[in-house]
Amino acid sequence: MLEALITSKTRIKLLMKFFLNTNSESYLRNLETEFGDSTNGIRLELNKFEHAGLLKSEQKGNKKFFKANTTHPLFPEIHSLLIKHIGFDRIIDEIVDNIGDLKKVYVVGDFARGIDSNIIDLVFVGDNINKNYLLKLVGKAESLIKRKIRYLLLTCSEIHAFLSKKNGTEYILLWESEA
C-alpha cells in the first residue's frame, strides 16, 4: 500500500526508521550500512525531510545525527499511517478481546529499530493469558497482514527485567490497558 503512494524505497526506509520508534536516531554512514543504499540517495532524502521540518539534526563530533521531529504537525499522522501499513493496528484489535488479563503489548526486534521485515516480534504482558486463543488469533492476524508474527508472553513482574536489557530504540509500546 505505502509503495503505491511513495515511490522512493529510500524514503520509505527512512520513514520506517525514524517515525515508527521516536527514540530512533542515526547518521548517514550508519544508514548506508543498514539500508544497503548509496549515501547520495540517502543524503538527498534526509535533506528533504530536514528541510520540511520532519527530521531534526544534531552534530555529535564529526557526525550529523537525524531524529524524527515529534513536534511536527504531521508526525502523529505519519506514525499512524506506518502502524496501519505494517498491520500493528489489526494485530492488536484481533488479540485484545477475550485473551485474558492483557496489560501491555510491545514490538521488539527489527520493527522497533525501524527496519521493515517480514517478521514481527511482539511481547505480550499480562497474567493468565489464554495461550491457545492467542495462538489462534496470531494465525488469523498473520494471514491478514501477510507477515510472520513471533511472540513472547511475559508476566507483569518479568517485563521490567526484559526491558532493562534493551535500550529505548529496541522496543515500542504498542498498546496498554486502560484499566
N, C-alpha and C. Protein backbone atom coordinates (compact mmCIF):
# COMPACT_ATOMS: atom_id res chain seq x y z
N MET A 1 0.82 -1.18 0.00
CA MET A 1 0.00 0.00 0.00
C MET A 1 0.87 1.26 0.00
N LEU A 2 1.83 1.34 0.89
CA LEU A 2 2.68 2.52 1.01
C LEU A 2 3.51 2.73 -0.24
N GLU A 3 3.92 1.65 -0.87
CA GLU A 3 4.74 1.74 -2.07
C GLU A 3 3.99 2.40 -3.23
N ALA A 4 2.66 2.30 -3.23
CA ALA A 4 1.86 2.95 -4.27
C ALA A 4 1.81 4.46 -4.06
N LEU A 5 1.89 4.91 -2.81
CA LEU A 5 1.86 6.34 -2.50
C LEU A 5 3.23 6.98 -2.57
N ILE A 6 4.24 6.25 -2.10
CA ILE A 6 5.60 6.77 -2.03
C ILE A 6 6.49 5.87 -2.88
N THR A 7 6.98 6.40 -3.97
CA THR A 7 7.71 5.55 -4.91
C THR A 7 9.18 5.37 -4.54
N SER A 8 9.73 6.22 -3.70
CA SER A 8 11.13 6.09 -3.31
C SER A 8 11.29 5.07 -2.19
N LYS A 9 12.00 3.98 -2.48
CA LYS A 9 12.24 2.95 -1.47
C LYS A 9 13.07 3.50 -0.31
N THR A 10 14.01 4.39 -0.63
CA THR A 10 14.84 5.01 0.41
C THR A 10 13.97 5.86 1.33
N ARG A 11 13.04 6.60 0.77
CA ARG A 11 12.15 7.43 1.57
C ARG A 11 11.31 6.57 2.51
N ILE A 12 10.81 5.45 2.01
CA ILE A 12 10.02 4.55 2.85
C ILE A 12 10.88 4.00 3.99
N LYS A 13 12.10 3.60 3.68
CA LYS A 13 13.00 3.09 4.72
C LYS A 13 13.26 4.14 5.79
N LEU A 14 13.46 5.39 5.37
CA LEU A 14 13.69 6.47 6.33
C LEU A 14 12.46 6.73 7.19
N LEU A 15 11.29 6.70 6.57
CA LEU A 15 10.06 6.87 7.35
C LEU A 15 9.92 5.78 8.40
N MET A 16 10.17 4.53 7.99
CA MET A 16 10.08 3.41 8.93
C MET A 16 11.10 3.58 10.05
N LYS A 17 12.30 3.96 9.69
CA LYS A 17 13.39 4.10 10.66
C LYS A 17 13.08 5.14 11.73
N PHE A 18 12.64 6.31 11.29
CA PHE A 18 12.50 7.43 12.22
C PHE A 18 11.09 7.62 12.78
N PHE A 19 10.07 7.19 12.07
CA PHE A 19 8.71 7.51 12.50
C PHE A 19 7.98 6.37 13.18
N LEU A 20 8.55 5.16 13.19
CA LEU A 20 7.94 4.09 13.98
C LEU A 20 8.37 4.20 15.44
N ASN A 21 9.64 4.38 15.66
CA ASN A 21 10.17 4.48 17.02
C ASN A 21 10.78 5.87 17.18
N THR A 22 10.16 6.69 18.01
CA THR A 22 10.59 8.09 18.15
C THR A 22 11.96 8.20 18.81
N ASN A 23 12.46 7.16 19.42
CA ASN A 23 13.80 7.18 20.02
C ASN A 23 14.90 6.90 19.01
N SER A 24 14.52 6.50 17.82
CA SER A 24 15.50 6.12 16.81
C SER A 24 16.23 7.34 16.27
N GLU A 25 17.56 7.24 16.23
CA GLU A 25 18.37 8.27 15.61
C GLU A 25 19.54 7.60 14.89
N SER A 26 20.02 8.25 13.86
CA SER A 26 21.11 7.65 13.09
C SER A 26 21.82 8.73 12.29
N TYR A 27 22.97 8.35 11.73
CA TYR A 27 23.74 9.25 10.87
C TYR A 27 23.90 8.58 9.51
N LEU A 28 24.37 9.37 8.54
CA LEU A 28 24.39 8.97 7.14
C LEU A 28 25.09 7.63 6.89
N ARG A 29 26.31 7.47 7.34
CA ARG A 29 27.07 6.23 7.06
C ARG A 29 26.42 5.01 7.70
N ASN A 30 25.84 5.19 8.87
CA ASN A 30 25.14 4.09 9.54
C ASN A 30 23.91 3.68 8.71
N LEU A 31 23.19 4.67 8.18
CA LEU A 31 22.02 4.38 7.34
C LEU A 31 22.43 3.68 6.05
N GLU A 32 23.57 4.08 5.49
CA GLU A 32 24.08 3.44 4.28
C GLU A 32 24.30 1.94 4.53
N THR A 33 24.92 1.62 5.65
CA THR A 33 25.18 0.23 6.00
C THR A 33 23.87 -0.52 6.26
N GLU A 34 22.97 0.10 7.00
CA GLU A 34 21.70 -0.54 7.36
C GLU A 34 20.81 -0.77 6.15
N PHE A 35 20.71 0.22 5.27
CA PHE A 35 19.80 0.13 4.13
C PHE A 35 20.43 -0.55 2.92
N GLY A 36 21.75 -0.50 2.80
CA GLY A 36 22.41 -1.03 1.61
C GLY A 36 22.20 -0.13 0.40
N ASP A 37 21.93 1.15 0.64
CA ASP A 37 21.71 2.13 -0.43
C ASP A 37 22.91 3.07 -0.49
N SER A 38 22.98 3.85 -1.57
CA SER A 38 24.09 4.80 -1.72
C SER A 38 23.90 5.99 -0.76
N THR A 39 25.03 6.54 -0.32
CA THR A 39 24.96 7.69 0.59
C THR A 39 24.32 8.89 -0.08
N ASN A 40 24.54 9.04 -1.39
CA ASN A 40 23.98 10.19 -2.09
C ASN A 40 22.45 10.16 -2.06
N GLY A 41 21.86 9.01 -2.36
CA GLY A 41 20.40 8.88 -2.35
C GLY A 41 19.83 9.11 -0.96
N ILE A 42 20.49 8.56 0.05
CA ILE A 42 20.03 8.73 1.43
C ILE A 42 20.17 10.19 1.84
N ARG A 43 21.30 10.82 1.50
CA ARG A 43 21.54 12.22 1.85
C ARG A 43 20.46 13.12 1.26
N LEU A 44 20.10 12.90 0.00
CA LEU A 44 19.07 13.71 -0.65
C LEU A 44 17.74 13.61 0.10
N GLU A 45 17.36 12.40 0.47
CA GLU A 45 16.09 12.21 1.18
C GLU A 45 16.15 12.82 2.59
N LEU A 46 17.28 12.63 3.28
CA LEU A 46 17.43 13.23 4.61
C LEU A 46 17.31 14.75 4.54
N ASN A 47 17.94 15.34 3.54
CA ASN A 47 17.88 16.79 3.38
C ASN A 47 16.45 17.26 3.11
N LYS A 48 15.70 16.51 2.29
CA LYS A 48 14.30 16.87 2.01
C LYS A 48 13.47 16.81 3.29
N PHE A 49 13.63 15.74 4.07
CA PHE A 49 12.89 15.60 5.32
C PHE A 49 13.27 16.70 6.31
N GLU A 50 14.57 17.00 6.39
CA GLU A 50 15.02 18.03 7.32
C GLU A 50 14.50 19.41 6.89
N HIS A 51 14.57 19.69 5.61
CA HIS A 51 14.08 20.98 5.09
C HIS A 51 12.58 21.14 5.35
N ALA A 52 11.83 20.05 5.26
CA ALA A 52 10.38 20.08 5.52
C ALA A 52 10.06 20.14 7.01
N GLY A 53 11.09 19.97 7.85
CA GLY A 53 10.87 20.01 9.29
C GLY A 53 10.45 18.69 9.90
N LEU A 54 10.45 17.63 9.11
CA LEU A 54 10.04 16.32 9.62
C LEU A 54 11.16 15.65 10.42
N LEU A 55 12.40 15.99 10.11
CA LEU A 55 13.55 15.47 10.86
C LEU A 55 14.31 16.62 11.50
N LYS A 56 14.87 16.34 12.66
CA LYS A 56 15.78 17.26 13.33
C LYS A 56 17.17 16.66 13.22
N SER A 57 18.18 17.51 13.24
CA SER A 57 19.55 17.00 13.21
C SER A 57 20.35 17.63 14.33
N GLU A 58 21.39 16.90 14.73
CA GLU A 58 22.28 17.35 15.79
C GLU A 58 23.69 16.88 15.46
N GLN A 59 24.62 17.77 15.55
CA GLN A 59 26.01 17.43 15.29
C GLN A 59 26.61 16.83 16.56
N LYS A 60 27.16 15.62 16.44
CA LYS A 60 27.85 14.95 17.54
C LYS A 60 29.23 14.55 17.02
N GLY A 61 30.23 15.31 17.42
CA GLY A 61 31.56 15.08 16.88
C GLY A 61 31.56 15.43 15.41
N ASN A 62 32.01 14.50 14.59
CA ASN A 62 32.03 14.76 13.16
C ASN A 62 30.84 14.11 12.44
N LYS A 63 29.84 13.67 13.20
CA LYS A 63 28.67 13.01 12.61
C LYS A 63 27.43 13.86 12.83
N LYS A 64 26.59 13.91 11.82
CA LYS A 64 25.31 14.60 11.90
C LYS A 64 24.23 13.56 12.12
N PHE A 65 23.63 13.55 13.31
CA PHE A 65 22.60 12.59 13.66
C PHE A 65 21.22 13.15 13.34
N PHE A 66 20.36 12.29 12.81
CA PHE A 66 19.00 12.67 12.47
C PHE A 66 18.02 11.93 13.38
N LYS A 67 16.92 12.60 13.66
CA LYS A 67 15.87 12.06 14.52
C LYS A 67 14.54 12.68 14.08
N ALA A 68 13.44 11.94 14.26
CA ALA A 68 12.12 12.46 13.89
C ALA A 68 11.79 13.68 14.73
N ASN A 69 11.17 14.66 14.10
CA ASN A 69 10.68 15.83 14.81
C ASN A 69 9.26 15.53 15.27
N THR A 70 9.14 15.08 16.50
CA THR A 70 7.84 14.65 17.04
C THR A 70 6.89 15.82 17.26
N THR A 71 7.39 17.05 17.19
CA THR A 71 6.52 18.21 17.36
C THR A 71 5.94 18.70 16.03
N HIS A 72 6.38 18.11 14.93
CA HIS A 72 5.84 18.49 13.62
C HIS A 72 4.37 18.10 13.57
N PRO A 73 3.51 18.96 13.02
CA PRO A 73 2.06 18.66 12.99
C PRO A 73 1.71 17.37 12.25
N LEU A 74 2.54 16.94 11.31
CA LEU A 74 2.25 15.71 10.57
C LEU A 74 2.79 14.45 11.24
N PHE A 75 3.61 14.61 12.27
CA PHE A 75 4.20 13.43 12.90
C PHE A 75 3.16 12.39 13.32
N PRO A 76 2.11 12.77 14.08
CA PRO A 76 1.14 11.74 14.50
C PRO A 76 0.49 11.02 13.32
N GLU A 77 0.25 11.75 12.25
CA GLU A 77 -0.40 11.15 11.08
C GLU A 77 0.53 10.17 10.37
N ILE A 78 1.78 10.56 10.23
CA ILE A 78 2.76 9.67 9.58
C ILE A 78 2.97 8.42 10.42
N HIS A 79 3.10 8.60 11.74
CA HIS A 79 3.27 7.46 12.65
C HIS A 79 2.07 6.51 12.54
N SER A 80 0.88 7.06 12.55
CA SER A 80 -0.33 6.24 12.44
C SER A 80 -0.40 5.51 11.10
N LEU A 81 -0.03 6.19 10.03
CA LEU A 81 -0.03 5.56 8.70
C LEU A 81 0.92 4.37 8.66
N LEU A 82 2.10 4.52 9.26
CA LEU A 82 3.07 3.42 9.28
C LEU A 82 2.58 2.25 10.12
N ILE A 83 1.96 2.55 11.26
CA ILE A 83 1.39 1.50 12.11
C ILE A 83 0.35 0.70 11.32
N LYS A 84 -0.48 1.39 10.57
CA LYS A 84 -1.51 0.72 9.77
C LYS A 84 -0.89 -0.03 8.60
N HIS A 85 0.13 0.54 7.98
CA HIS A 85 0.80 -0.12 6.86
C HIS A 85 1.37 -1.47 7.28
N ILE A 86 2.00 -1.50 8.43
CA ILE A 86 2.60 -2.73 8.92
C ILE A 86 1.52 -3.71 9.37
N GLY A 87 0.42 -3.21 9.87
CA GLY A 87 -0.66 -4.07 10.33
C GLY A 87 -0.73 -4.20 11.83
N PHE A 88 0.03 -3.40 12.57
CA PHE A 88 0.01 -3.49 14.03
C PHE A 88 -1.39 -3.25 14.58
N ASP A 89 -2.12 -2.30 13.98
CA ASP A 89 -3.45 -1.99 14.48
C ASP A 89 -4.38 -3.20 14.39
N ARG A 90 -4.27 -3.95 13.29
CA ARG A 90 -5.13 -5.13 13.13
C ARG A 90 -4.71 -6.27 14.06
N ILE A 91 -3.40 -6.40 14.29
CA ILE A 91 -2.92 -7.43 15.21
C ILE A 91 -3.52 -7.19 16.59
N ILE A 92 -3.40 -5.97 17.07
CA ILE A 92 -3.88 -5.64 18.41
C ILE A 92 -5.39 -5.82 18.49
N ASP A 93 -6.14 -5.31 17.49
CA ASP A 93 -7.60 -5.46 17.50
C ASP A 93 -8.02 -6.92 17.56
N GLU A 94 -7.30 -7.77 16.83
CA GLU A 94 -7.64 -9.20 16.81
C GLU A 94 -7.35 -9.87 18.14
N ILE A 95 -6.36 -9.40 18.87
CA ILE A 95 -5.87 -10.12 20.04
C ILE A 95 -6.47 -9.65 21.36
N VAL A 96 -6.76 -8.37 21.51
CA VAL A 96 -7.13 -7.80 22.80
C VAL A 96 -8.39 -8.42 23.41
N ASP A 97 -9.41 -8.61 22.61
CA ASP A 97 -10.66 -9.16 23.14
C ASP A 97 -10.50 -10.62 23.54
N ASN A 98 -11.00 -10.98 24.70
CA ASN A 98 -11.08 -12.36 25.19
C ASN A 98 -9.75 -13.08 25.36
N ILE A 99 -8.68 -12.36 25.56
CA ILE A 99 -7.38 -13.02 25.69
C ILE A 99 -7.00 -13.31 27.13
N GLY A 100 -7.62 -12.64 28.05
CA GLY A 100 -7.24 -12.77 29.45
C GLY A 100 -6.86 -11.41 30.00
N ASP A 101 -6.00 -11.42 30.98
CA ASP A 101 -5.62 -10.18 31.66
C ASP A 101 -4.40 -9.54 30.99
N LEU A 102 -4.59 -9.06 29.77
CA LEU A 102 -3.52 -8.44 29.00
C LEU A 102 -3.33 -7.00 29.47
N LYS A 103 -2.08 -6.63 29.77
CA LYS A 103 -1.77 -5.29 30.27
C LYS A 103 -1.08 -4.42 29.22
N LYS A 104 -0.12 -5.01 28.48
CA LYS A 104 0.65 -4.24 27.51
C LYS A 104 1.07 -5.13 26.35
N VAL A 105 1.33 -4.50 25.21
CA VAL A 105 1.90 -5.19 24.05
C VAL A 105 3.03 -4.32 23.52
N TYR A 106 4.20 -4.93 23.35
CA TYR A 106 5.37 -4.24 22.81
C TYR A 106 5.77 -4.88 21.50
N VAL A 107 6.33 -4.08 20.61
CA VAL A 107 7.00 -4.61 19.43
C VAL A 107 8.50 -4.48 19.71
N VAL A 108 9.23 -5.53 19.40
CA VAL A 108 10.68 -5.55 19.60
C VAL A 108 11.31 -6.01 18.28
N GLY A 109 12.60 -6.11 18.24
CA GLY A 109 13.27 -6.61 17.04
C GLY A 109 13.41 -5.56 15.97
N ASP A 110 13.41 -6.01 14.71
CA ASP A 110 13.67 -5.12 13.58
C ASP A 110 12.72 -3.93 13.52
N PHE A 111 11.43 -4.16 13.68
CA PHE A 111 10.47 -3.05 13.57
C PHE A 111 10.69 -2.00 14.65
N ALA A 112 11.07 -2.41 15.84
CA ALA A 112 11.34 -1.44 16.90
C ALA A 112 12.55 -0.58 16.54
N ARG A 113 13.46 -1.14 15.77
CA ARG A 113 14.64 -0.39 15.34
C ARG A 113 14.37 0.37 14.04
N GLY A 114 13.14 0.26 13.51
CA GLY A 114 12.79 1.00 12.30
C GLY A 114 13.17 0.31 11.02
N ILE A 115 13.34 -1.00 11.07
CA ILE A 115 13.73 -1.77 9.89
C ILE A 115 12.55 -2.63 9.46
N ASP A 116 12.10 -2.46 8.22
CA ASP A 116 10.99 -3.24 7.70
C ASP A 116 11.41 -4.71 7.61
N SER A 117 10.52 -5.59 7.97
CA SER A 117 10.83 -7.02 8.00
C SER A 117 9.57 -7.82 7.73
N ASN A 118 9.74 -9.05 7.31
CA ASN A 118 8.59 -9.94 7.12
C ASN A 118 8.18 -10.61 8.43
N ILE A 119 8.97 -10.39 9.47
CA ILE A 119 8.68 -10.98 10.78
C ILE A 119 8.45 -9.86 11.79
N ILE A 120 7.35 -9.96 12.51
CA ILE A 120 7.02 -9.00 13.57
C ILE A 120 7.20 -9.72 14.90
N ASP A 121 8.05 -9.15 15.76
CA ASP A 121 8.29 -9.71 17.08
C ASP A 121 7.50 -8.92 18.12
N LEU A 122 6.62 -9.60 18.84
CA LEU A 122 5.77 -8.97 19.84
C LEU A 122 6.00 -9.57 21.21
N VAL A 123 5.83 -8.74 22.24
CA VAL A 123 5.87 -9.20 23.62
C VAL A 123 4.54 -8.84 24.25
N PHE A 124 3.83 -9.86 24.74
CA PHE A 124 2.55 -9.67 25.41
C PHE A 124 2.79 -9.75 26.91
N VAL A 125 2.27 -8.76 27.64
CA VAL A 125 2.48 -8.69 29.08
C VAL A 125 1.14 -8.80 29.77
N GLY A 126 1.07 -9.74 30.70
CA GLY A 126 -0.16 -9.91 31.47
C GLY A 126 -0.13 -11.21 32.25
N ASP A 127 -1.19 -11.44 32.95
CA ASP A 127 -1.32 -12.66 33.74
C ASP A 127 -2.51 -13.46 33.23
N ASN A 128 -2.40 -14.76 33.32
CA ASN A 128 -3.47 -15.67 32.91
C ASN A 128 -3.90 -15.44 31.46
N ILE A 129 -2.94 -15.29 30.58
CA ILE A 129 -3.24 -15.11 29.16
C ILE A 129 -3.57 -16.47 28.55
N ASN A 130 -4.64 -16.52 27.80
CA ASN A 130 -5.10 -17.73 27.15
C ASN A 130 -4.19 -18.02 25.94
N LYS A 131 -3.24 -18.92 26.13
CA LYS A 131 -2.23 -19.20 25.11
C LYS A 131 -2.83 -19.83 23.85
N ASN A 132 -3.80 -20.71 24.02
CA ASN A 132 -4.43 -21.33 22.85
C ASN A 132 -5.18 -20.30 22.01
N TYR A 133 -5.88 -19.41 22.68
CA TYR A 133 -6.61 -18.35 21.99
C TYR A 133 -5.64 -17.42 21.27
N LEU A 134 -4.54 -17.08 21.95
CA LEU A 134 -3.52 -16.22 21.36
C LEU A 134 -2.94 -16.85 20.11
N LEU A 135 -2.61 -18.12 20.17
CA LEU A 135 -2.05 -18.83 19.02
C LEU A 135 -3.01 -18.79 17.83
N LYS A 136 -4.28 -19.00 18.10
CA LYS A 136 -5.29 -18.96 17.04
C LYS A 136 -5.40 -17.56 16.43
N LEU A 137 -5.39 -16.55 17.28
CA LEU A 137 -5.52 -15.18 16.79
C LEU A 137 -4.27 -14.71 16.03
N VAL A 138 -3.10 -15.14 16.49
CA VAL A 138 -1.87 -14.78 15.78
C VAL A 138 -1.91 -15.36 14.37
N GLY A 139 -2.40 -16.58 14.24
CA GLY A 139 -2.55 -17.18 12.91
C GLY A 139 -3.47 -16.38 12.01
N LYS A 140 -4.59 -15.91 12.56
CA LYS A 140 -5.51 -15.07 11.79
C LYS A 140 -4.85 -13.75 11.40
N ALA A 141 -4.17 -13.14 12.36
CA ALA A 141 -3.51 -11.85 12.09
C ALA A 141 -2.43 -12.00 11.02
N GLU A 142 -1.69 -13.10 11.06
CA GLU A 142 -0.64 -13.33 10.06
C GLU A 142 -1.24 -13.38 8.66
N SER A 143 -2.38 -14.04 8.52
CA SER A 143 -2.99 -14.11 7.19
C SER A 143 -3.55 -12.75 6.76
N LEU A 144 -4.00 -11.94 7.71
CA LEU A 144 -4.49 -10.60 7.38
C LEU A 144 -3.39 -9.66 6.91
N ILE A 145 -2.25 -9.69 7.59
CA ILE A 145 -1.19 -8.72 7.30
C ILE A 145 -0.09 -9.28 6.41
N LYS A 146 -0.14 -10.57 6.13
CA LYS A 146 0.85 -11.22 5.25
C LYS A 146 2.27 -11.10 5.78
N ARG A 147 2.42 -11.27 7.10
CA ARG A 147 3.72 -11.26 7.76
C ARG A 147 3.70 -12.32 8.86
N LYS A 148 4.86 -12.85 9.18
CA LYS A 148 5.03 -13.82 10.26
C LYS A 148 5.08 -13.07 11.59
N ILE A 149 4.43 -13.60 12.61
CA ILE A 149 4.43 -13.00 13.94
C ILE A 149 5.07 -13.97 14.92
N ARG A 150 6.13 -13.51 15.58
CA ARG A 150 6.73 -14.26 16.69
C ARG A 150 6.35 -13.53 17.95
N TYR A 151 6.07 -14.28 19.01
CA TYR A 151 5.66 -13.60 20.23
C TYR A 151 6.25 -14.25 21.46
N LEU A 152 6.27 -13.45 22.50
CA LEU A 152 6.78 -13.87 23.80
C LEU A 152 5.75 -13.43 24.83
N LEU A 153 5.43 -14.31 25.76
CA LEU A 153 4.50 -13.98 26.84
C LEU A 153 5.29 -13.74 28.12
N LEU A 154 5.07 -12.59 28.74
CA LEU A 154 5.74 -12.27 29.99
C LEU A 154 4.71 -11.79 31.01
N THR A 155 5.00 -12.04 32.27
CA THR A 155 4.12 -11.54 33.33
C THR A 155 4.51 -10.09 33.61
N CYS A 156 3.69 -9.41 34.37
CA CYS A 156 3.97 -8.01 34.73
C CYS A 156 5.29 -7.89 35.49
N SER A 157 5.62 -8.89 36.29
CA SER A 157 6.88 -8.83 37.04
C SER A 157 8.09 -9.15 36.16
N GLU A 158 7.92 -9.86 35.07
CA GLU A 158 9.04 -10.23 34.20
C GLU A 158 9.41 -9.14 33.19
N ILE A 159 8.46 -8.28 32.84
CA ILE A 159 8.70 -7.31 31.76
C ILE A 159 9.79 -6.30 32.12
N HIS A 160 9.87 -5.91 33.37
CA HIS A 160 10.87 -4.92 33.77
C HIS A 160 12.28 -5.43 33.53
N ALA A 161 12.55 -6.67 33.89
CA ALA A 161 13.88 -7.26 33.67
C ALA A 161 14.16 -7.38 32.17
N PHE A 162 13.16 -7.75 31.40
CA PHE A 162 13.31 -7.89 29.95
C PHE A 162 13.67 -6.55 29.31
N LEU A 163 12.92 -5.49 29.64
CA LEU A 163 13.15 -4.18 29.04
C LEU A 163 14.43 -3.53 29.53
N SER A 164 14.86 -3.87 30.73
CA SER A 164 16.09 -3.26 31.27
C SER A 164 17.32 -3.71 30.48
N LYS A 165 17.21 -4.81 29.76
CA LYS A 165 18.32 -5.32 28.95
C LYS A 165 18.34 -4.68 27.56
N LYS A 166 17.35 -3.84 27.27
CA LYS A 166 17.25 -3.21 25.95
C LYS A 166 17.33 -1.70 26.12
N ASN A 167 17.80 -1.01 25.07
CA ASN A 167 17.74 0.45 25.13
C ASN A 167 16.43 0.91 24.51
N GLY A 168 16.16 2.19 24.57
CA GLY A 168 14.87 2.72 24.13
C GLY A 168 14.56 2.55 22.66
N THR A 169 15.56 2.23 21.84
CA THR A 169 15.30 2.04 20.41
C THR A 169 15.02 0.58 20.07
N GLU A 170 15.01 -0.30 21.06
CA GLU A 170 14.81 -1.72 20.80
C GLU A 170 13.41 -2.21 21.16
N TYR A 171 12.54 -1.31 21.58
CA TYR A 171 11.16 -1.70 21.85
C TYR A 171 10.24 -0.49 21.72
N ILE A 172 8.98 -0.77 21.37
CA ILE A 172 7.97 0.25 21.25
C ILE A 172 6.71 -0.26 21.97
N LEU A 173 6.17 0.52 22.85
CA LEU A 173 4.90 0.17 23.48
C LEU A 173 3.80 0.41 22.46
N LEU A 174 3.10 -0.66 22.06
CA LEU A 174 2.04 -0.55 21.06
C LEU A 174 0.68 -0.33 21.68
N TRP A 175 0.45 -0.98 22.81
CA TRP A 175 -0.87 -0.95 23.41
C TRP A 175 -0.72 -1.11 24.92
N GLU A 176 -1.59 -0.41 25.65
CA GLU A 176 -1.60 -0.53 27.10
C GLU A 176 -3.04 -0.52 27.57
N SER A 177 -3.34 -1.39 28.50
CA SER A 177 -4.68 -1.47 29.07
C SER A 177 -5.04 -0.17 29.76
N GLU A 178 -6.25 0.25 29.59
CA GLU A 178 -6.71 1.48 30.26
C GLU A 178 -7.10 1.23 31.70
N ALA A 179 -7.26 -0.02 32.06
CA ALA A 179 -7.69 -0.35 33.44
C ALA A 179 -6.52 -0.35 34.39
